[in-house]
C-alpha atoms as a PDB file:
ATOM      1  CA  MET A   1     103.971 127.234 129.119  1.00  0.00           C
ATOM      2  CA  ARG A   2     106.309 124.939 131.057  1.00  0.00           C
ATOM      3  CA  GLN A   3     106.893 121.249 130.298  1.00  0.00           C
ATOM      4  CA  LEU A   4     108.677 118.567 132.273  1.00  0.00           C
ATOM      5  CA  CYS A   5     112.270 117.936 131.232  1.00  0.00           C
ATOM      6  CA  LEU A   6     112.705 114.270 130.433  1.00  0.00           C
ATOM      7  CA  PHE A   7     116.499 114.563 130.524  1.00  0.00           C
ATOM      8  CA  TYR A   8     117.824 116.758 133.295  1.00  0.00           C
ATOM      9  CA  THR A   9     120.817 117.452 135.509  1.00  0.00           C
ATOM     10  CA  PRO A  10     121.031 118.499 139.169  1.00  0.00           C
ATOM     11  CA  ASN A  11     121.123 122.133 137.981  1.00  0.00           C
ATOM     12  CA  THR A  12     117.853 121.886 136.025  1.00  0.00           C
ATOM     13  CA  ARG A  13     115.243 124.399 137.175  1.00  0.00           C
ATOM     14  CA  ARG A  14     112.429 123.001 139.296  1.00  0.00           C
ATOM     15  CA  LYS A  15     108.897 124.032 140.185  1.00  0.00           C
ATOM     16  CA  ASN A  16     107.352 122.475 143.313  1.00  0.00           C
ATOM     17  CA  GLY A  17     110.274 120.038 143.318  1.00  0.00           C
ATOM     18  CA  ILE A  18     109.566 118.864 139.751  1.00  0.00           C
ATOM     19  CA  PRO A  19     112.061 119.590 136.917  1.00  0.00           C
ATOM     20  CA  TYR A  20     110.625 121.670 134.083  1.00  0.00           C
ATOM     21  CA  CYS A  21     111.687 123.395 130.884  1.00  0.00           C
ATOM     22  CA  ASP A  22     110.164 125.871 128.475  1.00  0.00           C
ATOM     23  CA  VAL A  23     107.735 124.380 125.958  1.00  0.00           C
ATOM     24  CA  ASP A  24     107.400 125.290 122.318  1.00  0.00           C
ATOM     25  CA  ARG A  25     103.708 124.914 121.468  1.00  0.00           C
ATOM     26  CA  ASN A  26     104.670 124.069 117.894  1.00  0.00           C
ATOM     27  CA  VAL A  27     106.454 120.907 119.047  1.00  0.00           C
ATOM     28  CA  THR A  28     104.285 117.796 118.702  1.00  0.00           C
ATOM     29  CA  MET A  29     104.191 114.911 121.124  1.00  0.00           C
ATOM     30  CA  ASN A  30     107.032 112.443 120.881  1.00  0.00           C
ATOM     31  CA  HIS A  31     106.766 108.696 120.505  1.00  0.00           C
ATOM     32  CA  ALA A  32     108.138 108.013 123.990  1.00  0.00           C
ATOM     33  CA  GLN A  33     105.370 110.068 125.619  1.00  0.00           C
ATOM     34  CA  LEU A  34     102.647 108.295 123.680  1.00  0.00           C
ATOM     35  CA  LYS A  35     104.241 104.936 124.444  1.00  0.00           C
ATOM     36  CA  ALA A  36     104.315 105.736 128.170  1.00  0.00           C
ATOM     37  CA  PHE A  37     100.654 106.832 128.080  1.00  0.00           C
ATOM     38  CA  HIS A  38      99.643 103.654 126.256  1.00  0.00           C
ATOM     39  CA  ALA A  39     101.536 101.464 128.717  1.00  0.00           C
ATOM     40  CA  VAL A  40      99.896 103.104 131.764  1.00  0.00           C
ATOM     41  CA  ALA A  41      96.443 102.839 130.173  1.00  0.00           C
ATOM     42  CA  LYS A  42      97.056  99.211 129.224  1.00  0.00           C
ATOM     43  CA  THR A  43      98.481  98.046 132.566  1.00  0.00           C
ATOM     44  CA  GLY A  44      96.365 100.281 134.784  1.00  0.00           C
ATOM     45  CA  GLY A  45      99.261 101.693 136.778  1.00  0.00           C
ATOM     46  CA  PHE A  46     102.533 103.619 136.604  1.00  0.00           C
ATOM     47  CA  SER A  47     104.611 100.929 138.306  1.00  0.00           C
ATOM     48  CA  ALA A  48     103.360  98.198 135.976  1.00  0.00           C
ATOM     49  CA  ALA A  49     103.898 100.450 132.956  1.00  0.00           C
ATOM     50  CA  ALA A  50     107.466 101.222 134.064  1.00  0.00           C
ATOM     51  CA  LYS A  51     108.187  97.513 134.406  1.00  0.00           C
ATOM     52  CA  MET A  52     106.743  96.779 130.954  1.00  0.00           C
ATOM     53  CA  LEU A  53     108.801  99.568 129.351  1.00  0.00           C
ATOM     54  CA  GLY A  54     111.988  98.850 131.267  1.00  0.00           C
ATOM     55  CA  LEU A  55     112.007 102.342 132.821  1.00  0.00           C
ATOM     56  CA  THR A  56     111.829 103.751 136.313  1.00  0.00           C
ATOM     57  CA  GLN A  57     108.435 104.868 137.643  1.00  0.00           C
ATOM     58  CA  PRO A  58     109.545 108.546 137.890  1.00  0.00           C
ATOM     59  CA  ALA A  59     110.569 108.435 134.204  1.00  0.00           C
ATOM     60  CA  VAL A  60     107.106 107.230 133.210  1.00  0.00           C
ATOM     61  CA  THR A  61     105.504 109.842 135.448  1.00  0.00           C
ATOM     62  CA  PHE A  62     107.561 112.576 133.797  1.00  0.00           C
ATOM     63  CA  GLN A  63     106.479 111.412 130.352  1.00  0.00           C
ATOM     64  CA  ILE A  64     102.779 111.493 131.232  1.00  0.00           C
ATOM     65  CA  GLN A  65     102.979 114.844 133.029  1.00  0.00           C
ATOM     66  CA  ALA A  66     104.841 116.352 130.075  1.00  0.00           C
ATOM     67  CA  LEU A  67     102.096 115.173 127.754  1.00  0.00           C
ATOM     68  CA  GLU A  68      99.346 116.493 130.023  1.00  0.00           C
ATOM     69  CA  GLN A  69     101.003 119.875 130.513  1.00  0.00           C
ATOM     70  CA  HIS A  70     101.817 120.326 126.840  1.00  0.00           C
ATOM     71  CA  TYR A  71      98.184 119.798 125.811  1.00  0.00           C
ATOM     72  CA  ASN A  72      96.625 121.211 129.004  1.00  0.00           C
ATOM     73  CA  THR A  73      94.506 118.133 129.669  1.00  0.00           C
ATOM     74  CA  LYS A  74      94.290 115.403 132.296  1.00  0.00           C
ATOM     75  CA  LEU A  75      94.778 111.859 131.045  1.00  0.00           C
ATOM     76  CA  PHE A  76      94.811 109.938 134.340  1.00  0.00           C
ATOM     77  CA  ARG A  77      93.358 110.495 137.803  1.00  0.00           C
ATOM     78  CA  ARG A  78      94.804 108.864 140.876  1.00  0.00           C
ATOM     79  CA  ARG A  79      92.485 107.615 143.608  1.00  0.00           C
ATOM     80  CA  GLY A  80      94.624 106.241 146.393  1.00  0.00           C
ATOM     81  CA  ARG A  81      96.690 103.485 144.836  1.00  0.00           C
ATOM     82  CA  LYS A  82      94.399 103.213 141.848  1.00  0.00           C
ATOM     83  CA  THR A  83      95.015 104.951 138.529  1.00  0.00           C
ATOM     84  CA  GLU A  84      91.913 105.746 136.503  1.00  0.00           C
ATOM     85  CA  ILE A  85      91.889 106.918 132.924  1.00  0.00           C
ATOM     86  CA  THR A  86      89.903 110.094 132.235  1.00  0.00           C
ATOM     87  CA  ALA A  87      87.446 110.683 129.401  1.00  0.00           C
ATOM     88  CA  SER A  88      90.167 112.545 127.503  1.00  0.00           C
ATOM     89  CA  GLY A  89      92.552 109.680 128.168  1.00  0.00           C
ATOM     90  CA  GLN A  90      90.038 107.153 126.853  1.00  0.00           C
ATOM     91  CA  LEU A  91      89.718 109.085 123.590  1.00  0.00           C
ATOM     92  CA  LEU A  92      93.505 109.131 123.229  1.00  0.00           C
ATOM     93  CA  LEU A  93      93.675 105.433 124.088  1.00  0.00           C
ATOM     94  CA  ASN A  94      91.350 104.624 121.183  1.00  0.00           C
ATOM     95  CA  ILE A  95      93.852 106.289 118.861  1.00  0.00           C
ATOM     96  CA  SER A  96      97.002 104.902 120.501  1.00  0.00           C
ATOM     97  CA  LYS A  97      95.616 101.367 120.164  1.00  0.00           C
ATOM     98  CA  ARG A  98      95.402 101.852 116.405  1.00  0.00           C
ATOM     99  CA  ILE A  99      98.859 103.452 116.245  1.00  0.00           C
ATOM    100  CA  PHE A 100     100.622 100.657 118.114  1.00  0.00           C
ATOM    101  CA  SER A 101      98.638  98.021 116.286  1.00  0.00           C
ATOM    102  CA  LEU A 102      99.907  99.478 112.993  1.00  0.00           C
ATOM    103  CA  GLU A 103     103.410  99.672 114.437  1.00  0.00           C
ATOM    104  CA  GLN A 104     103.262  95.970 115.283  1.00  0.00           C
ATOM    105  CA  GLU A 105     101.869  95.226 111.838  1.00  0.00           C
ATOM    106  CA  ALA A 106     104.768  97.127 110.246  1.00  0.00           C
ATOM    107  CA  GLU A 107     107.261  95.232 112.396  1.00  0.00           C
ATOM    108  CA  ASN A 108     105.691  91.906 111.435  1.00  0.00           C
ATOM    109  CA  LEU A 109     105.784  92.886 107.758  1.00  0.00           C
ATOM    110  CA  LEU A 110     109.458  93.839 107.863  1.00  0.00           C
ATOM    111  CA  ALA A 111     110.282  90.619 109.697  1.00  0.00           C
ATOM    112  CA  SER A 112     108.366  88.572 107.125  1.00  0.00           C
ATOM    113  CA  LEU A 113     110.120  90.366 104.264  1.00  0.00           C
ATOM    114  CA  ALA A 114     113.482  89.578 105.813  1.00  0.00           C
ATOM    115  CA  SER A 115     112.490  85.913 106.127  1.00  0.00           C
ATOM    116  CA  LEU A 116     110.885  85.907 102.636  1.00  0.00           C
ATOM    117  CA  GLU A 117     107.427  85.060 103.952  1.00  0.00           C
ATOM    118  CA  ALA A 118     105.851  88.023 102.155  1.00  0.00           C
ATOM    119  CA  GLY A 119     106.588  90.524  99.436  1.00  0.00           C
ATOM    120  CA  HIS A 120     106.031  91.311  95.780  1.00  0.00           C
ATOM    121  CA  LEU A 121     108.646  90.720  93.060  1.00  0.00           C
ATOM    122  CA  LYS A 122     108.096  92.298  89.630  1.00  0.00           C
ATOM    123  CA  ILE A 123     109.935  90.553  86.795  1.00  0.00           C
ATOM    124  CA  VAL A 124     110.242  91.468  83.131  1.00  0.00           C
ATOM    125  CA  ALA A 125     111.950  89.429  80.449  1.00  0.00           C
ATOM    126  CA  THR A 126     112.704  89.555  76.753  1.00  0.00           C
ATOM    127  CA  SER A 127     111.961  85.849  76.339  1.00  0.00           C
ATOM    128  CA  SER A 128     109.700  83.493  78.237  1.00  0.00           C
ATOM    129  CA  LEU A 129     111.709  80.513  76.927  1.00  0.00           C
ATOM    130  CA  THR A 130     114.722  81.489  79.016  1.00  0.00           C
ATOM    131  CA  SER A 131     113.069  83.210  81.961  1.00  0.00           C
ATOM    132  CA  LEU A 132     110.036  81.117  82.915  1.00  0.00           C
ATOM    133  CA  PRO A 133     112.100  78.149  84.189  1.00  0.00           C
ATOM    134  CA  LEU A 134     113.913  80.560  86.521  1.00  0.00           C
ATOM    135  CA  VAL A 135     110.628  82.057  87.735  1.00  0.00           C
ATOM    136  CA  SER A 136     109.194  78.581  88.285  1.00  0.00           C
ATOM    137  CA  THR A 137     112.183  77.556  90.431  1.00  0.00           C
ATOM    138  CA  PHE A 138     111.839  80.701  92.550  1.00  0.00           C
ATOM    139  CA  ARG A 139     108.096  80.228  93.046  1.00  0.00           C
ATOM    140  CA  ALA A 140     108.655  76.663  94.205  1.00  0.00           C
ATOM    141  CA  ARG A 141     111.170  77.806  96.810  1.00  0.00           C
ATOM    142  CA  TYR A 142     109.289  80.898  97.988  1.00  0.00           C
ATOM    143  CA  PRO A 143     105.549  80.280  97.507  1.00  0.00           C
ATOM    144  CA  GLU A 144     104.583  83.170  99.819  1.00  0.00           C
ATOM    145  CA  ILE A 145     106.158  85.780  97.531  1.00  0.00           C
ATOM    146  CA  LEU A 146     103.779  87.358  95.024  1.00  0.00           C
ATOM    147  CA  VAL A 147     105.397  87.354  91.563  1.00  0.00           C
ATOM    148  CA  SER A 148     104.360  89.558  88.637  1.00  0.00           C
ATOM    149  CA  TYR A 149     105.775  88.690  85.219  1.00  0.00           C
ATOM    150  CA  ARG A 150     105.721  90.349  81.782  1.00  0.00           C
ATOM    151  CA  THR A 151     107.614  89.967  78.514  1.00  0.00           C
ATOM    152  CA  ILE A 152     108.775  93.212  76.928  1.00  0.00           C
ATOM    153  CA  PRO A 153     110.928  94.378  73.976  1.00  0.00           C
ATOM    154  CA  SER A 154     114.663  94.433  74.641  1.00  0.00           C
ATOM    155  CA  ASN A 155     114.871  98.206  74.211  1.00  0.00           C
ATOM    156  CA  ALA A 156     112.484  98.716  77.161  1.00  0.00           C
ATOM    157  CA  ILE A 157     114.511  96.825  79.775  1.00  0.00           C
ATOM    158  CA  GLU A 158     116.304  99.747  81.415  1.00  0.00           C
ATOM    159  CA  THR A 159     113.273 102.047  81.366  1.00  0.00           C
ATOM    160  CA  GLU A 160     111.135  99.461  83.168  1.00  0.00           C
ATOM    161  CA  ILE A 161     113.668  99.182  85.977  1.00  0.00           C
ATOM    162  CA  PHE A 162     114.374 102.903  86.331  1.00  0.00           C
ATOM    163  CA  ASP A 163     110.634 103.634  86.429  1.00  0.00           C
ATOM    164  CA  PHE A 164     110.201 100.976  89.171  1.00  0.00           C
ATOM    165  CA  ARG A 165     107.776  98.955  87.067  1.00  0.00           C
ATOM    166  CA  ALA A 166     110.189  96.042  87.385  1.00  0.00           C
ATOM    167  CA  ASP A 167     112.541  94.854  90.117  1.00  0.00           C
ATOM    168  CA  ILE A 168     114.411  92.360  87.953  1.00  0.00           C
ATOM    169  CA  ALA A 169     114.894  91.941  84.214  1.00  0.00           C
ATOM    170  CA  ILE A 170     116.016  88.730  82.519  1.00  0.00           C
ATOM    171  CA  HIS A 171     117.804  89.456  79.258  1.00  0.00           C
ATOM    172  CA  PHE A 172     120.441  88.074  76.886  1.00  0.00           C
ATOM    173  CA  ALA A 173     122.811  91.030  77.318  1.00  0.00           C
ATOM    174  CA  PRO A 174     124.307  93.013  80.217  1.00  0.00           C
ATOM    175  CA  PRO A 175     123.072  96.543  80.956  1.00  0.00           C
ATOM    176  CA  LYS A 176     124.939  99.560  79.620  1.00  0.00           C
ATOM    177  CA  ASP A 177     123.947 102.006  82.375  1.00  0.00           C
ATOM    178  CA  LYS A 178     126.326 101.888  85.347  1.00  0.00           C
ATOM    179  CA  ARG A 179     123.448 102.373  87.778  1.00  0.00           C
ATOM    180  CA  LEU A 180     122.287  98.867  86.848  1.00  0.00           C
ATOM    181  CA  LEU A 181     123.858  95.587  87.850  1.00  0.00           C
ATOM    182  CA  GLY A 182     123.886  92.644  85.455  1.00  0.00           C
ATOM    183  CA  LEU A 183     124.874  89.158  86.590  1.00  0.00           C
ATOM    184  CA  LYS A 184     125.484  86.438  84.022  1.00  0.00           C
ATOM    185  CA  ILE A 185     123.885  83.266  85.309  1.00  0.00           C
ATOM    186  CA  GLU A 186     124.460  80.980  82.342  1.00  0.00           C
ATOM    187  CA  GLU A 187     125.943  80.709  78.860  1.00  0.00           C
ATOM    188  CA  LEU A 188     124.844  77.966  76.490  1.00  0.00           C
ATOM    189  CA  PRO A 189     125.891  76.961  72.961  1.00  0.00           C
ATOM    190  CA  LEU A 190     123.527  77.867  70.132  1.00  0.00           C
ATOM    191  CA  LYS A 191     122.160  75.489  67.545  1.00  0.00           C
ATOM    192  CA  LEU A 192     120.714  76.236  64.151  1.00  0.00           C
ATOM    193  CA  ALA A 193     116.949  75.736  64.212  1.00  0.00           C
ATOM    194  CA  VAL A 194     115.069  74.730  61.050  1.00  0.00           C
ATOM    195  CA  SER A 195     111.612  73.343  60.374  1.00  0.00           C
ATOM    196  CA  LYS A 196     111.187  69.562  60.323  1.00  0.00           C
ATOM    197  CA  ASP A 197     110.141  70.014  56.697  1.00  0.00           C
ATOM    198  CA  HIS A 198     113.244  71.999  55.748  1.00  0.00           C
ATOM    199  CA  PRO A 199     115.716  70.375  53.305  1.00  0.00           C
ATOM    200  CA  TRP A 200     118.326  70.513  56.087  1.00  0.00           C
ATOM    201  CA  ALA A 201     116.177  68.548  58.513  1.00  0.00           C
ATOM    202  CA  GLU A 202     118.515  65.566  58.187  1.00  0.00           C
ATOM    203  CA  LYS A 203     121.705  67.517  58.844  1.00  0.00           C
ATOM    204  CA  THR A 204     123.576  67.062  62.114  1.00  0.00           C
ATOM    205  CA  SER A 205     126.061  69.945  61.777  1.00  0.00           C
ATOM    206  CA  VAL A 206     126.715  73.043  59.654  1.00  0.00           C
ATOM    207  CA  GLU A 207     129.327  75.715  59.076  1.00  0.00           C
ATOM    208  CA  LEU A 208     128.367  79.369  59.286  1.00  0.00           C
ATOM    209  CA  THR A 209     129.445  79.786  55.664  1.00  0.00           C
ATOM    210  CA  ASP A 210     126.694  77.329  54.697  1.00  0.00           C
ATOM    211  CA  LEU A 211     124.108  79.930  55.669  1.00  0.00           C
ATOM    212  CA  GLN A 212     124.834  82.338  52.828  1.00  0.00           C
ATOM    213  CA  ASN A 213     121.726  83.071  50.759  1.00  0.00           C
ATOM    214  CA  GLU A 214     119.482  81.513  53.440  1.00  0.00           C
ATOM    215  CA  VAL A 215     116.603  83.410  55.053  1.00  0.00           C
ATOM    216  CA  ILE A 216     117.727  84.267  58.597  1.00  0.00           C
ATOM    217  CA  ILE A 217     115.195  84.987  61.331  1.00  0.00           C
ATOM    218  CA  LEU A 218     116.316  87.577  63.844  1.00  0.00           C
ATOM    219  CA  PRO A 219     114.169  87.165  66.989  1.00  0.00           C
ATOM    220  CA  PHE A 220     115.268  90.439  68.563  1.00  0.00           C
ATOM    221  CA  ASP A 221     115.649  94.156  67.965  1.00  0.00           C
ATOM    222  CA  LEU A 222     118.601  94.379  65.559  1.00  0.00           C
ATOM    223  CA  GLU A 223     119.493  97.920  66.639  1.00  0.00           C
ATOM    224  CA  THR A 224     119.845  96.785  70.246  1.00  0.00           C
ATOM    225  CA  THR A 225     121.855  93.644  69.516  1.00  0.00           C
ATOM    226  CA  GLY A 226     124.100  95.573  67.159  1.00  0.00           C
ATOM    227  CA  ARG A 227     125.554  97.309  70.213  1.00  0.00           C
ATOM    228  CA  ILE A 228     126.282  94.029  72.028  1.00  0.00           C
ATOM    229  CA  ARG A 229     129.820  92.822  71.548  1.00  0.00           C
ATOM    230  CA  GLY A 230     130.022  89.137  70.701  1.00  0.00           C
ATOM    231  CA  HIS A 231     126.344  88.659  69.861  1.00  0.00           C
ATOM    232  CA  TRP A 232     125.818  85.896  67.299  1.00  0.00           C
ATOM    233  CA  SER A 233     124.441  88.337  64.742  1.00  0.00           C
ATOM    234  CA  GLU A 234     128.030  89.602  64.328  1.00  0.00           C
ATOM    235  CA  PHE A 235     129.217  86.253  62.994  1.00  0.00           C
ATOM    236  CA  VAL A 236     126.434  85.391  60.567  1.00  0.00           C
ATOM    237  CA  GLN A 237     126.366  86.903  57.088  1.00  0.00           C
ATOM    238  CA  PHE A 238     122.865  87.651  55.865  1.00  0.00           C
ATOM    239  CA  GLU A 239     121.023  90.045  53.637  1.00  0.00           C
ATOM    240  CA  ARG A 240     118.916  92.370  55.727  1.00  0.00           C
ATOM    241  CA  ASP A 241     116.389  92.713  52.931  1.00  0.00           C
ATOM    242  CA  GLN A 242     115.489  89.037  53.200  1.00  0.00           C
ATOM    243  CA  ALA A 243     115.801  88.677  56.971  1.00  0.00           C
ATOM    244  CA  PHE A 244     112.785  88.387  59.269  1.00  0.00           C
ATOM    245  CA  VAL A 245     113.325  90.900  62.086  1.00  0.00           C
ATOM    246  CA  LEU A 246     111.056  90.038  65.013  1.00  0.00           C
ATOM    247  CA  GLN A 247     110.650  91.177  68.618  1.00  0.00           C
ATOM    248  CA  ASN A 248     111.140  87.989  70.615  1.00  0.00           C
ATOM    249  CA  LYS A 249     112.113  84.339  70.576  1.00  0.00           C
ATOM    250  CA  GLU A 250     108.539  83.116  70.837  1.00  0.00           C
ATOM    251  CA  THR A 251     107.637  84.689  67.504  1.00  0.00           C
ATOM    252  CA  GLY A 252     110.941  83.501  66.066  1.00  0.00           C
ATOM    253  CA  ARG A 253     110.204  79.929  67.071  1.00  0.00           C
ATOM    254  CA  GLU A 254     106.812  80.012  65.348  1.00  0.00           C
ATOM    255  CA  THR A 255     108.363  81.518  62.226  1.00  0.00           C
ATOM    256  CA  VAL A 256     110.893  78.679  62.065  1.00  0.00           C
ATOM    257  CA  ALA A 257     108.246  76.030  62.720  1.00  0.00           C
ATOM    258  CA  ASN A 258     106.219  77.390  59.806  1.00  0.00           C
ATOM    259  CA  GLY A 259     109.145  77.018  57.424  1.00  0.00           C
ATOM    260  CA  LEU A 260     109.791  80.724  56.848  1.00  0.00           C
ATOM    261  CA  GLY A 261     113.493  80.664  57.644  1.00  0.00           C
ATOM    262  CA  MET A 262     116.121  79.577  60.182  1.00  0.00           C
ATOM    263  CA  THR A 263     117.627  81.031  63.331  1.00  0.00           C
ATOM    264  CA  PHE A 264     119.687  80.129  66.397  1.00  0.00           C
ATOM    265  CA  PHE A 265     118.348  78.802  69.678  1.00  0.00           C
ATOM    266  CA  THR A 266     119.799  76.968  72.632  1.00  0.00           C
ATOM    267  CA  ASP A 267     118.854  73.310  72.832  1.00  0.00           C
ATOM    268  CA  ARG A 268     116.717  74.086  75.879  1.00  0.00           C
ATOM    269  CA  ASP A 269     114.683  76.615  73.891  1.00  0.00           C
ATOM    270  CA  ILE A 270     113.486  74.116  71.273  1.00  0.00           C
ATOM    271  CA  ARG A 271     114.171  70.530  72.315  1.00  0.00           C
ATOM    272  CA  TRP A 272     110.551  70.016  73.370  1.00  0.00           C
ATOM    273  CA  ASP A 273     109.143  71.345  70.052  1.00  0.00           C
ATOM    274  CA  ASP A 274     108.872  68.427  67.607  1.00  0.00           C
ATOM    275  CA  ARG A 275     108.189  70.837  64.734  1.00  0.00           C
ATOM    276  CA  ILE A 276     111.796  72.043  64.848  1.00  0.00           C
ATOM    277  CA  HIS A 277     115.088  70.307  64.063  1.00  0.00           C
ATOM    278  CA  ALA A 278     118.268  71.445  65.852  1.00  0.00           C
ATOM    279  CA  ILE A 279     121.632  71.355  64.042  1.00  0.00           C
ATOM    280  CA  ASP A 280     125.031  71.694  65.709  1.00  0.00           C
ATOM    281  CA  VAL A 281     127.051  74.735  64.597  1.00  0.00           C
ATOM    282  CA  ASN A 282     130.779  74.257  64.081  1.00  0.00           C
ATOM    283  CA  ASP A 283     131.776  77.573  65.630  1.00  0.00           C
ATOM    284  CA  GLY A 284     132.624  78.005  69.292  1.00  0.00           C
ATOM    285  CA  ARG A 285     131.618  81.680  69.218  1.00  0.00           C
ATOM    286  CA  MET A 286     127.947  80.803  68.792  1.00  0.00           C
ATOM    287  CA  LYS A 287     126.767  81.077  72.392  1.00  0.00           C
ATOM    288  CA  GLU A 288     124.040  82.932  74.233  1.00  0.00           C
ATOM    289  CA  ALA A 289     124.214  84.220  77.787  1.00  0.00           C
ATOM    290  CA  THR A 290     121.438  84.994  80.247  1.00  0.00           C
ATOM    291  CA  TYR A 291     121.722  88.009  82.529  1.00  0.00           C
ATOM    292  CA  MET A 292     119.683  89.092  85.510  1.00  0.00           C
ATOM    293  CA  ILE A 293     119.521  92.868  85.805  1.00  0.00           C
ATOM    294  CA  CYS A 294     118.484  95.122  88.696  1.00  0.00           C
ATOM    295  CA  LEU A 295     119.298  98.497  90.211  1.00  0.00           C
ATOM    296  CA  ALA A 296     122.796  98.212  91.656  1.00  0.00           C
ATOM    297  CA  ASP A 297     121.604  99.695  94.961  1.00  0.00           C
ATOM    298  CA  GLU A 298     118.942  96.980  95.302  1.00  0.00           C
ATOM    299  CA  ARG A 299     121.232  93.961  94.780  1.00  0.00           C
ATOM    300  CA  GLU A 300     121.366  93.090  98.482  1.00  0.00           C
ATOM    301  CA  SER A 301     117.645  93.461  99.215  1.00  0.00           C
ATOM    302  CA  PRO A 302     116.457  90.081 100.542  1.00  0.00           C
ATOM    303  CA  ILE A 303     113.863  89.383  97.871  1.00  0.00           C
ATOM    304  CA  ILE A 304     116.117  90.288  94.912  1.00  0.00           C
ATOM    305  CA  ALA A 305     119.109  88.485  96.383  1.00  0.00           C
ATOM    306  CA  SER A 306     116.982  85.375  96.897  1.00  0.00           C
ATOM    307  CA  PHE A 307     115.904  85.397  93.236  1.00  0.00           C
ATOM    308  CA  PHE A 308     119.500  85.790  92.063  1.00  0.00           C
ATOM    309  CA  ASN A 309     120.638  82.920  94.274  1.00  0.00           C
ATOM    310  CA  SER A 310     117.716  80.736  93.214  1.00  0.00           C
ATOM    311  CA  ALA A 311     118.374  81.323  89.521  1.00  0.00           C
ATOM    312  CA  ALA A 312     122.126  80.858  89.847  1.00  0.00           C
ATOM    313  CA  GLY A 313     121.582  77.637  91.771  1.00  0.00           C
ATOM    314  CA  SER A 314     119.327  76.231  89.066  1.00  0.00           C
ATOM    315  CA  THR A 315     121.913  76.973  86.353  1.00  0.00           C
ATOM    316  CA  GLY A 316     124.982  75.948  88.341  1.00  0.00           C
ATOM    317  CA  ILE A 317     126.732  79.340  88.093  1.00  0.00           C
ATOM    318  CA  SER A 318     127.646  81.393  91.156  1.00  0.00           C
ATOM    319  CA  PRO A 319     125.808  84.753  91.284  1.00  0.00           C
ATOM    320  CA  ALA A 320     129.162  86.345  92.017  1.00  0.00           C
ATOM    321  CA  ASP A 321     130.623  85.269  88.654  1.00  0.00           C
END
C-alpha cells in the first residue's frame, strides 16, 4: 500500500501528481495526522484547519489523505466548497474529542503543578513536635496542595522514601545513603526536661555530670542515633539498664510528665506543656538539628522545592546551607 509522504523533496516519487511513499501496515497513525483530522472536523474545512494549526492547506490535505489511505477509509467528502464528515469520520471524531480533551486536561494539570495550584505531597516524620509547625506553614502558603502526613520510627525513614511512600522526611539526622539529599533547616539548643514534681523543678541550670545515676529517657532508637556523630546521647553518661528507650519524642514527653525520668528537648518542644520544667544545660554541644530529606533527583521538583523553601523561611535558615 502507498501512503502520502508528509516530508518530501522534488525527487520524491509521485502518483497522479501527489507525492507518495511505501506504507508499513504495522505503523500506527501519528499525532499530527489525528490533530489535522480533528482540526478539519472541528472547523468544517481544510483552509480553516490549516489556519488554526499554523500550516499550509496542502500540508493538512496530505495529513488527511495519508490517514485515509493507511486505513483504507474515507473520513471527509467534498461537495463543492463544502467539506462534510463521513460516518467513519464521525466515529473517529467521537474518539479524537476525548483524546484532545485528555491532552488539554494533562496540560492544565502540568501547568497547575508548576504553579503549585495542585498536587499531592507525602510527608513522614520522626516527631510531630518538630515537623507539624513546618507542615502548618506550608499548608497556609499552598492550600491547594493535598498533604499526607505520618509519623514513623527513625529506622524507617530511608525505606519510606525509596519505596515512594514518602516524598519528604523530617528527621533529626542527615541521611547516610548518597542517593538522598538532607538539608539542615535549623539547629536549636537542648534543655533538660523534668516533671514539675521532680526535685529539680526549681533548678535553672545543670551540668551534664549532675545527671549521673539519674533515669534518662531516650526518645529515639538508640541503635540509629548511635551512628550519628555529635548526637547528644554521646555526651550523657547513663546506665542502659535503667534508661527508658522509646520510639519518639511524643512518648518521651509523656514519660517525663509522669515523673518517670528526664530527657532533653528544645524549648519549642515543651514550652507549652505546663507539666514539664525546662532547665538550661551548661554544655554548648547539647543541640539538636532538623533535616529535611528527599531523593536527590527530586530536589528541584516544584512541590518539594516549595516545601523546602517554606520550611527554611519559617526557621530563618537558607535551604542552601
